[in-house]
Amino acid sequence: MDNSILILLIAQGLCFVLWTGLSFRAVFQIRAIAESRSGQMFPGPVSFLSAMGVWLKDPAHRLTRGLWALSLLGIMAPSLVIAFGPGRVE
């Protein structure tokens, strides 16, 4: 295996770990919003979807959303480089 491909795969793995952590953080933030809005300990799916809309628009969560999107791009980019970059397998 070429060293450059190995480096890209390691970078992709690190981005995946970051994305996973941010995804869990977002789910817990959305659940907290749903719980505070509904007043119930276990809000239902409708409350969760409503809270997701609030989370997507809230400027306080802008950093989490931005990092989540960048880490998602970081997951996709190495695959695209490997697939369509120089020295690809045909």
N, C-alpha and C. Protein backbone atom coordinates (compact mmCIF):
# COMPACT_ATOMS: atom_id res chain seq x y z
N MET A 1 0.86 -1.18 0.00
CA MET A 1 0.00 0.00 0.00
C MET A 1 0.90 1.24 0.00
N ASP A 2 0.54 2.19 -0.80
CA ASP A 2 1.28 3.43 -0.89
C ASP A 2 1.14 4.23 0.40
N ASN A 3 2.21 4.93 0.80
CA ASN A 3 2.18 5.70 2.04
C ASN A 3 1.16 6.83 2.00
N SER A 4 0.97 7.45 0.85
CA SER A 4 0.01 8.55 0.76
C SER A 4 -1.41 8.04 1.00
N ILE A 5 -1.74 6.87 0.51
CA ILE A 5 -3.06 6.30 0.76
C ILE A 5 -3.23 5.98 2.24
N LEU A 6 -2.17 5.48 2.86
CA LEU A 6 -2.23 5.18 4.29
C LEU A 6 -2.47 6.46 5.10
N ILE A 7 -1.80 7.53 4.73
CA ILE A 7 -1.99 8.80 5.43
C ILE A 7 -3.42 9.31 5.24
N LEU A 8 -3.95 9.20 4.03
CA LEU A 8 -5.34 9.62 3.78
C LEU A 8 -6.33 8.79 4.59
N LEU A 9 -6.10 7.49 4.70
CA LEU A 9 -7.00 6.64 5.47
C LEU A 9 -6.93 6.95 6.96
N ILE A 10 -5.75 7.27 7.46
CA ILE A 10 -5.62 7.66 8.87
C ILE A 10 -6.35 8.99 9.11
N ALA A 11 -6.19 9.94 8.20
CA ALA A 11 -6.90 11.22 8.32
C ALA A 11 -8.40 11.01 8.27
N GLN A 12 -8.85 10.11 7.41
CA GLN A 12 -10.27 9.81 7.31
C GLN A 12 -10.77 9.19 8.61
N GLY A 13 -9.99 8.31 9.21
CA GLY A 13 -10.38 7.70 10.47
C GLY A 13 -10.48 8.73 11.59
N LEU A 14 -9.53 9.67 11.64
CA LEU A 14 -9.58 10.71 12.66
C LEU A 14 -10.80 11.61 12.47
N CYS A 15 -11.10 11.93 11.22
CA CYS A 15 -12.31 12.73 10.95
C CYS A 15 -13.57 11.97 11.35
N PHE A 16 -13.56 10.66 11.15
CA PHE A 16 -14.72 9.86 11.53
C PHE A 16 -14.91 9.86 13.04
N VAL A 17 -13.83 9.76 13.78
CA VAL A 17 -13.92 9.81 15.25
C VAL A 17 -14.48 11.16 15.70
N LEU A 18 -14.00 12.25 15.09
CA LEU A 18 -14.51 13.58 15.41
C LEU A 18 -15.98 13.69 15.06
N TRP A 19 -16.36 13.21 13.88
CA TRP A 19 -17.76 13.27 13.44
C TRP A 19 -18.67 12.48 14.39
N THR A 20 -18.21 11.31 14.83
CA THR A 20 -19.00 10.50 15.74
C THR A 20 -19.24 11.22 17.05
N GLY A 21 -18.19 11.79 17.60
CA GLY A 21 -18.33 12.54 18.86
C GLY A 21 -19.27 13.72 18.72
N LEU A 22 -19.14 14.46 17.62
CA LEU A 22 -20.02 15.61 17.40
C LEU A 22 -21.46 15.18 17.16
N SER A 23 -21.64 14.03 16.52
CA SER A 23 -23.01 13.53 16.30
C SER A 23 -23.68 13.18 17.63
N PHE A 24 -22.95 12.50 18.51
CA PHE A 24 -23.52 12.21 19.82
C PHE A 24 -23.79 13.48 20.60
N ARG A 25 -22.88 14.45 20.52
CA ARG A 25 -23.09 15.71 21.22
C ARG A 25 -24.36 16.40 20.70
N ALA A 26 -24.55 16.40 19.38
CA ALA A 26 -25.73 17.04 18.79
C ALA A 26 -27.00 16.34 19.24
N VAL A 27 -27.00 15.01 19.25
CA VAL A 27 -28.20 14.28 19.67
C VAL A 27 -28.54 14.60 21.13
N PHE A 28 -27.54 14.66 21.98
CA PHE A 28 -27.81 14.98 23.38
C PHE A 28 -28.26 16.42 23.56
N GLN A 29 -27.72 17.34 22.77
CA GLN A 29 -28.19 18.73 22.83
C GLN A 29 -29.64 18.83 22.36
N ILE A 30 -29.97 18.14 21.29
CA ILE A 30 -31.34 18.17 20.78
C ILE A 30 -32.30 17.55 21.78
N ARG A 31 -31.88 16.46 22.41
CA ARG A 31 -32.71 15.82 23.43
C ARG A 31 -32.95 16.76 24.62
N ALA A 32 -31.92 17.51 25.02
CA ALA A 32 -32.08 18.46 26.12
C ALA A 32 -33.05 19.58 25.75
N ILE A 33 -32.99 20.04 24.52
CA ILE A 33 -33.93 21.06 24.06
C ILE A 33 -35.35 20.50 24.07
N ALA A 34 -35.52 19.29 23.56
CA ALA A 34 -36.85 18.66 23.52
C ALA A 34 -37.39 18.45 24.93
N GLU A 35 -36.52 18.05 25.84
CA GLU A 35 -36.96 17.83 27.22
C GLU A 35 -37.38 19.14 27.88
N SER A 36 -36.63 20.20 27.65
CA SER A 36 -36.98 21.48 28.26
C SER A 36 -38.25 22.08 27.64
N ARG A 37 -38.46 21.86 26.35
CA ARG A 37 -39.65 22.41 25.70
C ARG A 37 -40.92 21.63 26.04
N SER A 38 -40.79 20.29 26.18
CA SER A 38 -41.98 19.48 26.44
C SER A 38 -42.26 19.31 27.92
N GLY A 39 -41.22 19.43 28.75
CA GLY A 39 -41.41 19.23 30.18
C GLY A 39 -41.47 17.77 30.58
N GLN A 40 -41.23 16.87 29.64
CA GLN A 40 -41.26 15.43 29.92
C GLN A 40 -39.85 14.88 29.92
N MET A 41 -39.64 13.86 30.75
CA MET A 41 -38.31 13.27 30.83
C MET A 41 -37.94 12.54 29.53
N PHE A 42 -38.92 11.91 28.91
CA PHE A 42 -38.70 11.19 27.65
C PHE A 42 -39.63 11.75 26.58
N PRO A 43 -39.21 12.83 25.91
CA PRO A 43 -40.07 13.40 24.87
C PRO A 43 -40.16 12.47 23.67
N GLY A 44 -41.24 12.53 22.97
CA GLY A 44 -41.46 11.65 21.83
C GLY A 44 -40.76 12.13 20.58
N PRO A 45 -40.97 11.40 19.49
CA PRO A 45 -40.31 11.75 18.23
C PRO A 45 -40.72 13.10 17.67
N VAL A 46 -41.97 13.48 17.86
CA VAL A 46 -42.43 14.78 17.35
C VAL A 46 -41.72 15.91 18.09
N SER A 47 -41.58 15.76 19.40
CA SER A 47 -40.85 16.76 20.18
C SER A 47 -39.38 16.82 19.76
N PHE A 48 -38.82 15.66 19.48
CA PHE A 48 -37.42 15.62 19.05
C PHE A 48 -37.25 16.33 17.71
N LEU A 49 -38.15 16.10 16.77
CA LEU A 49 -38.05 16.76 15.47
C LEU A 49 -38.24 18.26 15.59
N SER A 50 -39.15 18.67 16.46
CA SER A 50 -39.35 20.09 16.70
C SER A 50 -38.09 20.71 17.32
N ALA A 51 -37.49 20.00 18.26
CA ALA A 51 -36.27 20.49 18.89
C ALA A 51 -35.11 20.51 17.91
N MET A 52 -35.12 19.61 16.94
CA MET A 52 -34.06 19.60 15.93
C MET A 52 -34.12 20.88 15.10
N GLY A 53 -35.33 21.32 14.78
CA GLY A 53 -35.47 22.58 14.06
C GLY A 53 -34.94 23.76 14.86
N VAL A 54 -35.21 23.74 16.17
CA VAL A 54 -34.68 24.80 17.04
C VAL A 54 -33.16 24.74 17.06
N TRP A 55 -32.60 23.53 17.18
CA TRP A 55 -31.15 23.35 17.24
C TRP A 55 -30.48 23.82 15.94
N LEU A 56 -31.11 23.55 14.80
CA LEU A 56 -30.53 23.94 13.52
C LEU A 56 -30.50 25.46 13.34
N LYS A 57 -31.43 26.16 13.97
CA LYS A 57 -31.52 27.62 13.81
C LYS A 57 -30.82 28.39 14.92
N ASP A 58 -30.51 27.74 16.04
CA ASP A 58 -29.96 28.43 17.21
C ASP A 58 -28.50 28.81 16.96
N PRO A 59 -28.16 30.10 17.07
CA PRO A 59 -26.77 30.51 16.87
C PRO A 59 -25.82 29.97 17.94
N ALA A 60 -26.32 29.57 19.08
CA ALA A 60 -25.47 29.03 20.14
C ALA A 60 -24.86 27.69 19.74
N HIS A 61 -25.46 27.00 18.79
CA HIS A 61 -24.97 25.69 18.36
C HIS A 61 -24.27 25.76 17.00
N ARG A 62 -23.92 26.96 16.57
CA ARG A 62 -23.30 27.14 15.26
C ARG A 62 -21.95 26.43 15.17
N LEU A 63 -21.16 26.48 16.23
CA LEU A 63 -19.84 25.84 16.21
C LEU A 63 -19.97 24.33 16.05
N THR A 64 -20.89 23.72 16.78
CA THR A 64 -21.09 22.28 16.67
C THR A 64 -21.53 21.90 15.26
N ARG A 65 -22.46 22.65 14.70
CA ARG A 65 -22.93 22.37 13.34
C ARG A 65 -21.81 22.53 12.32
N GLY A 66 -21.01 23.58 12.46
CA GLY A 66 -19.92 23.81 11.52
C GLY A 66 -18.85 22.74 11.59
N LEU A 67 -18.46 22.38 12.81
CA LEU A 67 -17.46 21.32 12.97
C LEU A 67 -17.98 19.99 12.46
N TRP A 68 -19.28 19.74 12.69
CA TRP A 68 -19.88 18.50 12.21
C TRP A 68 -19.82 18.43 10.68
N ALA A 69 -20.15 19.54 10.03
CA ALA A 69 -20.13 19.57 8.56
C ALA A 69 -18.70 19.43 8.03
N LEU A 70 -17.74 20.10 8.66
CA LEU A 70 -16.35 19.99 8.22
C LEU A 70 -15.80 18.58 8.41
N SER A 71 -16.16 17.95 9.52
CA SER A 71 -15.68 16.59 9.74
C SER A 71 -16.32 15.63 8.74
N LEU A 72 -17.57 15.88 8.36
CA LEU A 72 -18.21 15.06 7.34
C LEU A 72 -17.50 15.20 5.99
N LEU A 73 -17.12 16.42 5.65
CA LEU A 73 -16.34 16.63 4.43
C LEU A 73 -14.98 15.96 4.53
N GLY A 74 -14.40 15.97 5.73
CA GLY A 74 -13.12 15.30 5.95
C GLY A 74 -13.22 13.80 5.80
N ILE A 75 -14.38 13.25 6.08
CA ILE A 75 -14.58 11.82 5.88
C ILE A 75 -14.69 11.51 4.39
N MET A 76 -15.36 12.37 3.65
CA MET A 76 -15.60 12.10 2.23
C MET A 76 -14.40 12.40 1.36
N ALA A 77 -13.62 13.42 1.69
CA ALA A 77 -12.54 13.88 0.82
C ALA A 77 -11.49 12.81 0.53
N PRO A 78 -10.97 12.09 1.54
CA PRO A 78 -9.95 11.08 1.20
C PRO A 78 -10.47 10.00 0.26
N SER A 79 -11.72 9.63 0.40
CA SER A 79 -12.28 8.62 -0.50
C SER A 79 -12.32 9.14 -1.94
N LEU A 80 -12.67 10.40 -2.09
CA LEU A 80 -12.70 10.99 -3.43
C LEU A 80 -11.30 11.11 -4.02
N VAL A 81 -10.32 11.45 -3.17
CA VAL A 81 -8.94 11.55 -3.65
C VAL A 81 -8.44 10.18 -4.09
N ILE A 82 -8.73 9.17 -3.28
CA ILE A 82 -8.28 7.82 -3.62
C ILE A 82 -8.97 7.32 -4.89
N ALA A 83 -10.27 7.60 -5.02
CA ALA A 83 -11.03 7.09 -6.16
C ALA A 83 -10.70 7.83 -7.46
N PHE A 84 -10.55 9.14 -7.39
CA PHE A 84 -10.41 9.92 -8.62
C PHE A 84 -9.06 10.60 -8.76
N GLY A 85 -8.17 10.42 -7.81
CA GLY A 85 -6.87 11.07 -7.84
C GLY A 85 -5.90 10.40 -8.78
N PRO A 86 -4.68 10.94 -8.82
CA PRO A 86 -3.65 10.34 -9.70
C PRO A 86 -3.27 8.94 -9.20
N GLY A 87 -3.02 8.07 -10.12
CA GLY A 87 -2.62 6.71 -9.76
C GLY A 87 -3.77 5.82 -9.35
N ARG A 88 -4.97 6.19 -9.72
CA ARG A 88 -6.13 5.38 -9.36
C ARG A 88 -6.13 4.05 -10.08
N VAL A 89 -6.80 3.11 -9.51
CA VAL A 89 -6.91 1.79 -10.14
C VAL A 89 -8.07 1.83 -11.12
N GLU A 90 -7.84 1.36 -12.32
CA GLU A 90 -8.89 1.39 -13.33
C GLU A 90 -9.41 0.02 -13.62
